[in-house]
Amino acid sequence: MNGAAKGAVIGGVFLAMVGGAGYGVYTLVDNAGSGHGGGRASADGATAKSAAKGSGPVTDEEAARTAKAFLAAWAAGNDREAAGLTNNTQAAQSAVADYRAAAHVSKAVITPGTPTGTTVPFTVAAEITYEGVTKPLAYSSRLTVVRGATSGKALVDWQPSVIHPQLGKDEKLRAGAPAAPPVKAVDRNGEELTAEKYPSLGPVLDQLRQTYGAKAGGKGGAELWIEPAVPAGPRRTLLTLAEGEPSTLKTTLDANVQAAAEKAVARYPEASVVAVKPSNGHILAVANHRKDGFNAAMEGARAPGSTMKIVTAAMLIDRGRAAADQPAQCTKEASWGGRSFHNLNHFDLPGNAPFATAFARSCNTAFIKRIDDVNDDAALSKEAREVFGIGLDWKTGIRSADGKVPEATGAGAAAEYIGQGQITMNPLNVASITATARTGVFRQPVLVPADLDGRPLAQAARAMKPSVAQQLVRMMRQTAADGTAAEVMSGVRGSDKGAKTGSAEVDGAGSPDSWFTGYSGDVAAAAMVEAGGHGGDAAGPIVAAVLNS
């Protein structure tokens, strides 16, 4: 393709058209306005100058010259020349070559913007042509020029986002017939769910299409998409070239709850929430507000803080080592395994305060002081798995992380009793824990009904003892009424409601992660806000808004 590369530079606008074996030929006009005959884009002079060795920071003049040469070579389809102007020739050459061959770009007008130092913005007005169908694609991107580490040349700092701003590491632009037909995802009442209306569902809908598109009976069309870096990742559609025939896929989501969840997480950066129905495990909403687009609500793995005390309390009551009405020692500090633990602001409770009050006030020391009574390093891990289903193989319908409560000894065990240490959870896990506490029975959360594909659902080894369930619900109700969750839950409608707050210290973070979980009637929800502070500060209002929906 290099030898046949043709193109044009018109008033600083780079123009190239792909056609057959090479690029179409345009009349070339240089920046001074002098006309030339047909031929390859004349970036050679700029290339030679930009290739000169230099030292120190890249100058604005070097940056502009290198950017101009690179964009001209790219527009002309000269992948080798374009790659030689970057600091990663192999990756850049592949990407520029794929722009025509794999993304089926039949025409591209690339217009540089006004540089800001060594960063040069530009716009692309392209056309994608596949099997006789042509559709326009317009977008903006930018590039930055740096000094080559060994060559000393001014070079484009190669990033996939130079080709398209949504491309991440090792991702590629591709056009053609998609492997999975489109799906029309609907909520439990038949209302269509789209990424335009519910932005958090973008990654979820991509996964649903990949997993169920063929099974649900749709027919593929033609598209331009972003090929994921890993084979199992979902494709992200950028442009539909020819409409396929979507199948209808019913989910357990509820459009009203999803809308409330989307609005609630938008108030806080790095926030996630999940809502489930305790009576059947159906996931009603999944929402994230994150810069990285990661579905942390279902795939995250962070220490859950004191929301874990729901499981710890169940284990202690289950083994006869605590009871809601029995006194619990809530001292300012407690030591275990050579490490000292304390309560928030070093508070304590009177010696005759019941365990239910220690739970409602989230007293760390009251839990840690019970470790010696349990005398089983695996007790918490067993309770989490056997009763709450944590660590089993959940098949929700899309990717999800199932939570982890490993066995621990010494100070590590004490940390796990209060939701720190090696325990990892996400809002889906914690919402499920609350749902199990509410009903006494683990029901594996699902987003797509299992009868669609016959996949097996995880089953807990045993139901919670009725006496344990009764005491746990009572303590969560007390937490919502006059404990650490009282302020947040006071605005939640309904009389049957319970909650638990949590905050989790993260190494190197200036503020703890904010966790909150609660239920109202037959809805349980959990939220997490990274570095959001204490449970009621950020995660609490998110859960309250979802429960009220």
Protein backbone atom coordinates (compact mmCIF):
# COMPACT_ATOMS: atom_id res chain seq x y z
CA MET A 1 0.00 0.00 0.00
CA ASN A 2 2.92 2.38 0.68
CA GLY A 3 4.04 2.77 -2.90
CA ALA A 4 0.50 3.40 -4.13
CA ALA A 5 -0.40 5.92 -1.45
CA LYS A 6 -1.96 9.01 -2.97
CA GLY A 7 -3.68 11.94 -1.34
CA ALA A 8 -4.02 15.67 -1.08
CA VAL A 9 -3.24 18.57 1.18
CA ILE A 10 -5.60 21.50 0.68
CA GLY A 11 -5.16 24.55 2.91
CA GLY A 12 -3.97 22.45 5.80
CA VAL A 13 -6.76 19.89 5.37
CA PHE A 14 -5.52 16.38 4.63
CA LEU A 15 -7.74 14.37 2.34
CA ALA A 16 -7.48 10.75 1.20
CA MET A 17 -9.80 8.33 -0.53
CA VAL A 18 -9.35 4.58 -0.50
CA GLY A 19 -10.35 2.84 -3.66
CA GLY A 20 -9.54 -0.61 -4.98
CA ALA A 21 -5.85 -1.32 -4.62
CA GLY A 22 -4.88 2.19 -3.62
CA TYR A 23 -5.99 5.72 -2.93
CA GLY A 24 -7.76 7.99 -5.35
CA VAL A 25 -5.73 10.74 -6.96
CA TYR A 26 -6.48 14.37 -6.15
CA THR A 27 -5.07 17.63 -7.45
CA LEU A 28 -2.54 18.72 -4.87
CA VAL A 29 -2.41 22.30 -3.63
CA ASP A 30 0.30 23.24 -1.18
CA ASN A 31 -0.20 25.60 1.74
CA ALA A 32 1.13 28.52 -0.31
CA GLY A 33 -1.53 27.85 -2.92
CA SER A 34 0.73 26.68 -5.75
CA GLY A 35 -0.79 23.86 -7.77
CA HIS A 36 0.80 20.50 -8.44
CA GLY A 37 -0.12 17.49 -10.43
CA GLY A 38 -1.36 14.19 -9.02
CA GLY A 39 0.93 12.21 -6.75
CA ARG A 40 1.49 11.11 -3.18
CA ALA A 41 0.90 13.55 -0.35
CA SER A 42 4.02 15.68 -0.13
CA ALA A 43 4.88 15.33 3.52
CA ASP A 44 8.48 14.36 2.75
CA GLY A 45 9.95 17.77 3.47
CA ALA A 46 8.18 18.00 6.81
CA THR A 47 9.16 14.43 7.57
CA ALA A 48 12.82 15.10 6.96
CA LYS A 49 12.80 18.16 9.16
CA SER A 50 10.88 16.50 11.97
CA ALA A 51 13.32 13.60 11.86
CA ALA A 52 16.23 15.84 12.73
CA LYS A 53 17.78 15.10 16.09
CA GLY A 54 17.17 17.53 18.86
CA SER A 55 17.49 17.82 22.59
CA GLY A 56 15.49 19.26 25.44
CA PRO A 57 11.73 19.78 25.35
CA VAL A 58 9.94 19.57 22.02
CA THR A 59 9.37 23.05 20.62
CA ASP A 60 6.00 24.22 19.34
CA GLU A 61 7.46 24.42 15.84
CA GLU A 62 8.71 20.81 16.00
CA ALA A 63 5.35 19.64 17.30
CA ALA A 64 3.40 21.38 14.53
CA ARG A 65 5.78 20.08 11.84
CA THR A 66 5.68 16.49 13.11
CA ALA A 67 1.89 16.51 13.55
CA LYS A 68 1.41 17.88 10.02
CA ALA A 69 3.65 15.20 8.54
CA PHE A 70 2.02 12.39 10.51
CA LEU A 71 -1.55 13.42 9.66
CA ALA A 72 -0.63 13.79 5.99
CA ALA A 73 0.94 10.33 5.88
CA TRP A 74 -2.04 8.81 7.70
CA ALA A 75 -4.54 10.47 5.36
CA ALA A 76 -2.53 9.30 2.38
CA GLY A 77 -2.66 5.74 3.69
CA ASN A 78 1.13 5.58 4.00
CA ASP A 79 1.29 3.41 7.09
CA ARG A 80 5.06 3.01 7.05
CA GLU A 81 5.77 6.72 6.80
CA ALA A 82 3.16 7.56 9.45
CA ALA A 83 4.55 4.92 11.80
CA GLY A 84 8.07 6.28 11.37
CA LEU A 85 6.88 9.56 12.84
CA THR A 86 5.76 7.90 16.09
CA ASN A 87 7.53 6.40 19.11
CA ASN A 88 5.90 2.99 18.50
CA THR A 89 6.33 2.12 14.85
CA GLN A 90 4.93 -1.41 15.03
CA ALA A 91 1.65 -0.51 16.74
CA ALA A 92 1.18 2.66 14.69
CA GLN A 93 1.83 0.96 11.34
CA SER A 94 -0.68 -1.78 12.12
CA ALA A 95 -3.33 0.73 13.21
CA VAL A 96 -2.92 2.99 10.17
CA ALA A 97 -2.98 0.01 7.80
CA ASP A 98 -6.07 -1.42 9.53
CA TYR A 99 -7.85 1.90 9.17
CA ARG A 100 -8.43 1.07 5.51
CA ALA A 101 -8.21 -2.69 5.41
CA ALA A 102 -10.08 -3.71 8.57
CA ALA A 103 -12.19 -0.66 9.46
CA HIS A 104 -13.14 -0.20 5.78
CA VAL A 105 -12.55 3.56 5.78
CA SER A 106 -13.17 4.55 2.16
CA LYS A 107 -12.61 8.28 2.63
CA ALA A 108 -11.14 10.49 5.33
CA VAL A 109 -10.71 14.24 5.67
CA ILE A 110 -8.42 15.05 8.58
CA THR A 111 -8.38 18.68 9.72
CA PRO A 112 -5.79 19.87 12.27
CA GLY A 113 -6.97 22.29 14.93
CA THR A 114 -5.07 24.94 16.86
CA PRO A 115 -2.14 23.36 18.74
CA THR A 116 -1.76 23.84 22.48
CA GLY A 117 1.95 23.53 23.02
CA THR A 118 2.92 20.05 21.86
CA THR A 119 -0.66 18.78 21.71
CA VAL A 120 -2.46 19.04 18.38
CA PRO A 121 -6.23 18.43 18.13
CA PHE A 122 -7.81 17.37 14.86
CA THR A 123 -11.13 16.33 13.41
CA VAL A 124 -11.86 13.41 11.13
CA ALA A 125 -14.72 13.29 8.63
CA ALA A 126 -14.64 9.73 7.35
CA GLU A 127 -16.81 7.38 5.36
CA ILE A 128 -17.12 3.67 6.06
CA THR A 129 -17.99 1.43 3.12
CA TYR A 130 -18.86 -2.24 3.47
CA GLU A 131 -20.53 -4.41 0.83
CA GLY A 132 -21.82 -1.43 -1.12
CA VAL A 133 -23.17 0.47 1.92
CA THR A 134 -21.49 3.77 2.88
CA LYS A 135 -22.10 5.71 6.08
CA PRO A 136 -20.38 8.87 7.44
CA LEU A 137 -18.36 8.85 10.65
CA ALA A 138 -17.18 12.10 12.26
CA TYR A 139 -15.11 12.48 15.41
CA SER A 140 -12.40 14.54 17.08
CA SER A 141 -9.12 13.35 18.54
CA ARG A 142 -5.69 14.69 19.44
CA LEU A 143 -2.07 13.75 19.43
CA THR A 144 0.94 14.83 21.46
CA VAL A 145 4.51 15.16 20.21
CA VAL A 146 7.37 14.06 22.45
CA ARG A 147 11.12 13.71 22.19
CA GLY A 148 12.20 10.21 21.19
CA ALA A 149 14.01 8.60 24.10
CA THR A 150 16.86 7.19 22.01
CA SER A 151 16.55 8.97 18.66
CA GLY A 152 16.17 12.50 19.97
CA LYS A 153 13.59 13.13 17.23
CA ALA A 154 10.26 14.86 17.66
CA LEU A 155 7.75 12.00 17.43
CA VAL A 156 4.03 11.47 17.88
CA ASP A 157 3.46 9.80 21.26
CA TRP A 158 1.57 6.79 19.96
CA GLN A 159 -1.72 5.94 21.63
CA PRO A 160 -4.61 3.97 20.05
CA SER A 161 -6.81 7.01 20.79
CA VAL A 162 -4.97 8.90 18.04
CA ILE A 163 -6.86 6.77 15.50
CA HIS A 164 -10.15 7.04 17.43
CA PRO A 165 -10.70 8.61 20.88
CA GLN A 166 -12.59 5.58 22.23
CA LEU A 167 -9.83 3.11 21.47
CA GLY A 168 -8.02 1.76 24.52
CA LYS A 169 -4.85 -0.26 24.83
CA ASP A 170 -4.73 -3.18 22.37
CA GLU A 171 -8.23 -2.38 21.04
CA LYS A 172 -8.87 -2.15 17.29
CA LEU A 173 -11.35 -0.65 14.85
CA ARG A 174 -13.20 -3.25 12.79
CA ALA A 175 -16.08 -3.17 10.33
CA GLY A 176 -18.14 -5.98 8.88
CA ALA A 177 -20.85 -8.41 9.85
CA PRO A 178 -20.92 -8.71 13.66
CA ALA A 179 -20.54 -12.11 15.27
CA ALA A 180 -23.58 -11.54 17.48
CA PRO A 181 -26.93 -10.29 16.11
CA PRO A 182 -28.43 -7.24 17.80
CA VAL A 183 -30.85 -7.62 20.69
CA LYS A 184 -33.63 -5.43 21.94
CA ALA A 185 -33.30 -5.67 25.70
CA VAL A 186 -36.46 -4.94 27.66
CA ASP A 187 -37.15 -4.64 31.35
CA ARG A 188 -39.45 -6.94 33.32
CA ASN A 189 -42.47 -4.93 32.11
CA GLY A 190 -41.46 -4.94 28.44
CA GLU A 191 -40.00 -1.40 28.29
CA GLU A 192 -36.97 -1.13 26.00
CA LEU A 193 -33.62 -0.46 27.66
CA THR A 194 -31.12 1.58 25.64
CA ALA A 195 -27.69 2.99 26.41
CA GLU A 196 -28.92 6.42 25.28
CA LYS A 197 -31.60 6.50 27.96
CA TYR A 198 -29.67 4.52 30.60
CA PRO A 199 -25.93 5.22 30.08
CA SER A 200 -24.82 2.78 32.78
CA LEU A 201 -26.32 -0.08 30.82
CA GLY A 202 -23.98 0.37 27.84
CA PRO A 203 -21.49 -2.33 28.94
CA VAL A 204 -24.34 -4.51 30.19
CA LEU A 205 -26.20 -4.35 26.87
CA ASP A 206 -22.99 -5.13 24.98
CA GLN A 207 -22.53 -8.27 27.07
CA LEU A 208 -26.15 -9.29 26.66
CA ARG A 209 -25.81 -9.04 22.91
CA GLN A 210 -22.60 -11.04 22.85
CA THR A 211 -24.03 -13.79 25.04
CA TYR A 212 -27.63 -13.97 23.88
CA GLY A 213 -27.77 -12.38 20.40
CA ALA A 214 -27.57 -15.68 18.54
CA LYS A 215 -29.55 -17.64 21.13
CA ALA A 216 -32.44 -15.19 21.04
CA GLY A 217 -32.92 -15.56 17.27
CA GLY A 218 -31.83 -12.22 15.81
CA LYS A 219 -30.07 -11.65 12.47
CA GLY A 220 -26.85 -9.65 12.12
CA GLY A 221 -26.40 -6.58 9.92
CA ALA A 222 -23.16 -4.64 9.33
CA GLU A 223 -21.34 -2.36 11.75
CA LEU A 224 -18.20 -0.50 12.70
CA TRP A 225 -17.11 -1.56 16.16
CA ILE A 226 -14.25 -1.51 18.66
CA GLU A 227 -12.73 -4.96 18.98
CA PRO A 228 -11.89 -5.60 22.66
CA ALA A 229 -8.34 -6.27 23.83
CA VAL A 230 -9.39 -9.62 25.30
CA PRO A 231 -11.37 -12.22 23.33
CA ALA A 232 -14.07 -12.53 25.99
CA GLY A 233 -14.72 -8.78 26.12
CA PRO A 234 -17.82 -7.29 24.49
CA ARG A 235 -17.58 -5.36 21.23
CA ARG A 236 -18.60 -1.70 21.31
CA THR A 237 -20.60 -0.59 18.29
CA LEU A 238 -19.65 2.82 16.89
CA LEU A 239 -21.73 2.91 13.71
CA THR A 240 -24.51 0.78 12.22
CA LEU A 241 -24.01 0.32 8.49
CA ALA A 242 -26.92 -2.02 7.83
CA GLU A 243 -29.63 -2.78 10.33
CA GLY A 244 -29.92 -6.35 11.53
CA GLU A 245 -33.06 -7.95 12.89
CA PRO A 246 -32.89 -7.73 16.67
CA SER A 247 -34.45 -10.30 18.91
CA THR A 248 -36.22 -9.29 22.09
CA LEU A 249 -34.42 -10.23 25.29
CA LYS A 250 -36.34 -9.89 28.53
CA THR A 251 -34.29 -8.97 31.60
CA THR A 252 -35.19 -8.68 35.28
CA LEU A 253 -34.35 -4.96 35.32
CA ASP A 254 -36.99 -2.38 36.17
CA ALA A 255 -36.86 0.79 34.06
CA ASN A 256 -38.14 3.00 36.90
CA VAL A 257 -35.60 1.69 39.41
CA GLN A 258 -32.84 1.88 36.79
CA ALA A 259 -33.69 5.52 36.06
CA ALA A 260 -33.51 6.35 39.76
CA ALA A 261 -30.19 4.51 40.09
CA GLU A 262 -28.71 6.37 37.10
CA LYS A 263 -29.71 9.72 38.58
CA ALA A 264 -28.46 8.81 42.06
CA VAL A 265 -24.95 7.70 41.07
CA ALA A 266 -24.52 10.74 38.83
CA ARG A 267 -24.21 12.87 41.99
CA TYR A 268 -20.91 11.23 43.01
CA PRO A 269 -17.74 10.31 41.11
CA GLU A 270 -16.70 6.65 41.10
CA ALA A 271 -20.11 5.52 42.38
CA SER A 272 -21.92 2.20 41.85
CA VAL A 273 -25.23 0.70 42.99
CA VAL A 274 -27.25 -2.51 42.56
CA ALA A 275 -30.84 -3.27 43.57
CA VAL A 276 -32.32 -6.78 43.89
CA LYS A 277 -35.61 -8.36 44.94
CA PRO A 278 -35.05 -10.50 48.07
CA SER A 279 -38.03 -12.73 47.23
CA ASN A 280 -36.53 -14.04 43.96
CA GLY A 281 -33.03 -12.61 43.49
CA HIS A 282 -34.00 -10.60 40.41
CA ILE A 283 -31.66 -7.68 39.73
CA LEU A 284 -33.75 -4.53 39.35
CA ALA A 285 -31.02 -1.98 38.60
CA VAL A 286 -27.29 -1.74 37.90
CA ALA A 287 -25.71 1.71 37.68
CA ASN A 288 -22.20 3.13 37.65
CA HIS A 289 -20.75 6.62 37.38
CA ARG A 290 -17.08 6.08 36.65
CA LYS A 291 -14.42 7.59 34.40
CA ASP A 292 -13.21 4.16 33.27
CA GLY A 293 -16.64 2.77 32.32
CA PHE A 294 -15.99 -0.33 34.45
CA ASN A 295 -19.05 -2.17 35.75
CA ALA A 296 -17.82 -2.00 39.35
CA ALA A 297 -21.37 -2.57 40.57
CA MET A 298 -21.13 -6.21 39.48
CA GLU A 299 -17.46 -6.84 38.76
CA GLY A 300 -15.70 -4.78 41.44
CA ALA A 301 -13.58 -6.22 44.23
CA ARG A 302 -13.15 -3.86 47.19
CA ALA A 303 -13.20 -4.32 50.95
CA PRO A 304 -16.84 -3.81 52.04
CA GLY A 305 -16.14 -2.36 55.48
CA SER A 306 -18.78 -2.69 58.15
CA THR A 307 -21.51 -3.88 55.77
CA MET A 308 -19.71 -7.23 56.30
CA LYS A 309 -20.91 -7.15 59.91
CA ILE A 310 -24.22 -8.52 58.63
CA VAL A 311 -22.43 -11.78 57.85
CA THR A 312 -20.24 -11.65 60.96
CA ALA A 313 -23.27 -11.08 63.19
CA ALA A 314 -25.11 -13.97 61.55
CA MET A 315 -22.12 -16.24 62.15
CA LEU A 316 -21.80 -15.21 65.82
CA ILE A 317 -25.53 -15.70 66.49
CA ASP A 318 -25.55 -18.94 64.48
CA ARG A 319 -22.78 -20.36 66.69
CA GLY A 320 -24.30 -19.14 69.94
CA ARG A 321 -21.53 -16.59 70.54
CA ALA A 322 -23.82 -13.56 70.47
CA ALA A 323 -27.48 -12.63 70.62
CA ALA A 324 -29.29 -9.39 69.89
CA ASP A 325 -30.29 -8.93 73.57
CA GLN A 326 -27.05 -10.13 75.18
CA PRO A 327 -24.51 -7.56 76.44
CA ALA A 328 -21.54 -6.86 74.19
CA GLN A 329 -18.29 -5.23 75.23
CA CYS A 330 -17.85 -2.16 73.07
CA THR A 331 -14.61 -0.60 74.28
CA LYS A 332 -12.73 2.21 72.57
CA GLU A 333 -10.00 -0.17 71.46
CA ALA A 334 -9.36 -3.89 71.17
CA SER A 335 -6.24 -5.86 70.25
CA TRP A 336 -5.94 -9.13 68.39
CA GLY A 337 -3.01 -10.81 66.74
CA GLY A 338 -0.64 -8.03 67.73
CA ARG A 339 -2.72 -5.29 66.11
CA SER A 340 -4.88 -2.67 67.77
CA PHE A 341 -8.35 -1.85 66.40
CA HIS A 342 -10.57 1.07 67.38
CA ASN A 343 -14.03 2.46 66.72
CA LEU A 344 -14.78 5.57 64.73
CA ASN A 345 -13.63 8.55 66.78
CA HIS A 346 -12.74 6.03 69.55
CA PHE A 347 -16.31 5.88 70.88
CA ASP A 348 -17.44 3.24 73.37
CA LEU A 349 -20.75 2.00 74.79
CA PRO A 350 -21.83 1.23 78.36
CA GLY A 351 -20.90 -2.24 79.58
CA ASN A 352 -24.51 -3.45 79.56
CA ALA A 353 -25.25 -2.30 75.99
CA PRO A 354 -26.78 -5.18 73.98
CA PHE A 355 -25.20 -6.66 70.87
CA ALA A 356 -28.00 -5.15 68.76
CA THR A 357 -26.89 -1.67 69.82
CA ALA A 358 -23.25 -2.49 69.06
CA PHE A 359 -24.38 -3.58 65.59
CA ALA A 360 -26.53 -0.48 65.07
CA ARG A 361 -23.70 1.82 66.17
CA SER A 362 -21.16 -0.22 64.13
CA CYS A 363 -18.88 -0.96 67.05
CA ASN A 364 -15.75 -2.69 65.70
CA THR A 365 -14.41 -3.81 69.05
CA ALA A 366 -17.61 -5.63 70.03
CA PHE A 367 -17.09 -7.92 67.05
CA ILE A 368 -13.34 -8.38 67.40
CA LYS A 369 -13.66 -9.35 71.07
CA ARG A 370 -15.74 -12.39 70.00
CA ILE A 371 -12.98 -14.03 67.94
CA ASP A 372 -11.61 -16.01 70.87
CA ASP A 373 -15.11 -17.34 71.63
CA VAL A 374 -15.52 -18.67 68.10
CA ASN A 375 -12.17 -20.50 68.01
CA ASP A 376 -12.48 -21.41 64.31
CA ASP A 377 -10.42 -19.59 61.68
CA ALA A 378 -12.79 -20.76 58.94
CA ALA A 379 -16.03 -19.75 60.69
CA LEU A 380 -16.63 -16.48 58.82
CA SER A 381 -15.68 -17.98 55.46
CA LYS A 382 -18.05 -20.92 56.03
CA GLU A 383 -20.96 -18.67 57.01
CA ALA A 384 -20.44 -16.44 53.97
CA ARG A 385 -20.39 -19.39 51.58
CA GLU A 386 -22.86 -21.82 53.15
CA VAL A 387 -25.60 -19.34 54.08
CA PHE A 388 -25.02 -16.18 52.00
CA GLY A 389 -23.69 -17.83 48.82
CA ILE A 390 -20.57 -15.67 48.72
CA GLY A 391 -17.82 -17.35 46.70
CA LEU A 392 -20.13 -19.67 44.76
CA ASP A 393 -20.20 -19.54 40.97
CA TRP A 394 -22.91 -16.97 40.27
CA LYS A 395 -24.25 -17.02 36.72
CA THR A 396 -26.19 -13.77 36.56
CA GLY A 397 -26.44 -13.57 32.75
CA ILE A 398 -23.45 -11.21 32.41
CA ARG A 399 -20.00 -11.09 33.98
CA SER A 400 -20.00 -10.68 37.74
CA ALA A 401 -17.57 -11.23 40.61
CA ASP A 402 -18.90 -13.47 43.36
CA GLY A 403 -17.14 -12.01 46.39
CA LYS A 404 -14.33 -13.49 48.44
CA VAL A 405 -14.06 -14.24 52.17
CA PRO A 406 -10.86 -16.26 52.60
CA GLU A 407 -9.86 -17.97 55.82
CA ALA A 408 -7.60 -15.84 57.98
CA THR A 409 -5.76 -15.97 61.28
CA GLY A 410 -4.48 -13.46 63.81
CA ALA A 411 -4.87 -9.78 62.96
CA GLY A 412 -6.08 -10.75 59.49
CA ALA A 413 -9.07 -12.56 61.01
CA ALA A 414 -9.92 -9.56 63.17
CA ALA A 415 -9.80 -7.29 60.14
CA GLU A 416 -12.15 -9.60 58.23
CA TYR A 417 -14.71 -9.56 61.06
CA ILE A 418 -15.21 -5.86 60.31
CA GLY A 419 -15.01 -6.12 56.52
CA GLN A 420 -11.35 -5.33 55.92
CA GLY A 421 -8.33 -7.58 55.35
CA GLN A 422 -8.53 -9.88 52.32
CA ILE A 423 -12.32 -9.73 51.90
CA THR A 424 -13.51 -8.33 48.57
CA MET A 425 -17.06 -7.49 47.51
CA ASN A 426 -19.03 -5.32 45.13
CA PRO A 427 -22.48 -3.73 45.47
CA LEU A 428 -24.12 -6.80 43.88
CA ASN A 429 -22.62 -9.06 46.56
CA VAL A 430 -23.60 -6.75 49.40
CA ALA A 431 -27.14 -6.22 48.05
CA SER A 432 -27.48 -10.02 47.91
CA ILE A 433 -26.22 -10.31 51.50
CA THR A 434 -28.92 -7.87 52.57
CA ALA A 435 -31.55 -9.75 50.58
CA THR A 436 -30.50 -13.01 52.26
CA ALA A 437 -30.65 -11.36 55.67
CA ARG A 438 -34.11 -10.02 54.86
CA THR A 439 -35.60 -13.43 53.93
CA GLY A 440 -33.24 -15.92 55.56
CA VAL A 441 -32.71 -17.64 52.18
CA PHE A 442 -29.99 -17.08 49.57
CA ARG A 443 -31.36 -16.64 46.09
CA GLN A 444 -28.67 -16.16 43.50
CA PRO A 445 -29.04 -12.77 41.80
CA VAL A 446 -29.92 -12.91 38.09
CA LEU A 447 -30.21 -10.25 35.41
CA VAL A 448 -31.41 -12.65 32.71
CA PRO A 449 -33.88 -15.39 33.74
CA ALA A 450 -32.13 -18.76 33.89
CA ASP A 451 -34.85 -20.46 31.86
CA LEU A 452 -33.71 -18.58 28.76
CA ASP A 453 -30.57 -20.68 28.44
CA GLY A 454 -30.97 -23.31 31.14
CA ARG A 455 -27.88 -22.25 33.05
CA PRO A 456 -27.61 -23.57 36.62
CA LEU A 457 -27.89 -21.11 39.48
CA ALA A 458 -25.76 -21.25 42.62
CA GLN A 459 -27.37 -22.86 45.64
CA ALA A 460 -26.36 -22.19 49.24
CA ALA A 461 -25.67 -25.23 51.40
CA ARG A 462 -28.29 -24.26 53.96
CA ALA A 463 -30.88 -21.68 54.83
CA MET A 464 -30.36 -19.32 57.73
CA LYS A 465 -31.79 -20.52 61.03
CA PRO A 466 -35.11 -18.74 61.70
CA SER A 467 -33.87 -17.40 65.04
CA VAL A 468 -30.76 -15.97 63.36
CA ALA A 469 -32.83 -14.35 60.59
CA GLN A 470 -35.22 -12.79 63.10
CA GLN A 471 -32.42 -11.26 65.15
CA LEU A 472 -30.54 -10.06 62.09
CA VAL A 473 -33.60 -8.28 60.67
CA ARG A 474 -34.28 -6.76 64.07
CA MET A 475 -30.73 -5.37 64.28
CA MET A 476 -30.87 -3.94 60.76
CA ARG A 477 -34.19 -2.30 61.58
CA GLN A 478 -32.62 -0.76 64.68
CA THR A 479 -29.70 0.53 62.60
CA ALA A 480 -32.18 2.23 60.28
CA ALA A 481 -34.26 3.60 63.14
CA ASP A 482 -31.69 5.01 65.55
CA GLY A 483 -28.25 3.72 64.50
CA THR A 484 -25.66 4.93 62.00
CA ALA A 485 -28.16 4.68 59.10
CA ALA A 486 -30.97 6.60 60.78
CA GLU A 487 -30.46 9.93 59.04
CA VAL A 488 -30.37 8.38 55.58
CA MET A 489 -33.21 5.91 56.14
CA SER A 490 -35.52 8.50 57.70
CA GLY A 491 -36.33 9.65 54.17
CA VAL A 492 -37.08 6.16 52.88
CA ARG A 493 -40.79 5.42 52.57
CA GLY A 494 -42.35 2.40 54.23
CA SER A 495 -42.30 0.97 57.74
CA ASP A 496 -40.49 -2.30 56.95
CA LYS A 497 -36.92 -1.16 56.39
CA GLY A 498 -33.44 -1.94 57.62
CA ALA A 499 -29.86 -0.95 56.81
CA LYS A 500 -26.15 -1.16 57.56
CA THR A 501 -23.44 1.43 56.96
CA GLY A 502 -19.81 0.80 56.17
CA SER A 503 -16.55 2.52 55.39
CA ALA A 504 -13.43 0.72 54.21
CA GLU A 505 -9.90 2.02 54.56
CA VAL A 506 -7.87 1.64 51.37
CA ASP A 507 -4.08 1.81 51.44
CA GLY A 508 -2.84 5.10 50.04
CA ALA A 509 -6.31 6.66 49.79
CA GLY A 510 -6.97 9.94 51.52
CA SER A 511 -10.56 9.01 52.33
CA PRO A 512 -12.24 5.63 52.95
CA ASP A 513 -14.64 4.01 50.50
CA SER A 514 -18.24 4.75 51.39
CA TRP A 515 -20.57 1.71 51.62
CA PHE A 516 -24.25 1.51 52.45
CA THR A 517 -26.85 -1.23 52.13
CA GLY A 518 -30.50 -1.32 53.03
CA TYR A 519 -33.89 -2.80 52.26
CA SER A 520 -37.45 -1.52 52.13
CA GLY A 521 -40.19 -4.05 51.56
CA ASP A 522 -39.13 -6.39 48.77
CA VAL A 523 -36.23 -4.30 47.49
CA ALA A 524 -32.64 -4.49 48.74
CA ALA A 525 -29.88 -2.20 47.47
CA ALA A 526 -26.21 -1.57 48.09
CA ALA A 527 -23.93 1.23 46.92
CA MET A 528 -20.24 2.01 47.03
CA VAL A 529 -18.47 5.30 46.34
CA GLU A 530 -14.70 5.06 46.10
CA ALA A 531 -13.08 7.53 48.52
CA GLY A 532 -16.59 8.75 49.37
CA GLY A 533 -16.06 8.90 53.15
CA HIS A 534 -18.30 7.26 55.71
CA GLY A 535 -21.25 5.10 54.74
CA GLY A 536 -23.97 7.68 55.14
CA ASP A 537 -22.02 10.44 53.40
CA ALA A 538 -22.26 9.33 49.77
CA ALA A 539 -23.38 5.70 49.39
CA GLY A 540 -26.33 6.21 51.76
CA PRO A 541 -28.20 8.82 49.71
CA ILE A 542 -27.76 6.65 46.59
CA VAL A 543 -29.38 3.65 48.27
CA ALA A 544 -32.16 5.80 49.70
CA ALA A 545 -33.01 7.18 46.26
CA VAL A 546 -33.13 3.68 44.77
CA LEU A 547 -35.28 2.28 47.58
CA ASN A 548 -37.73 5.16 47.16
CA SER A 549 -38.13 4.43 43.45
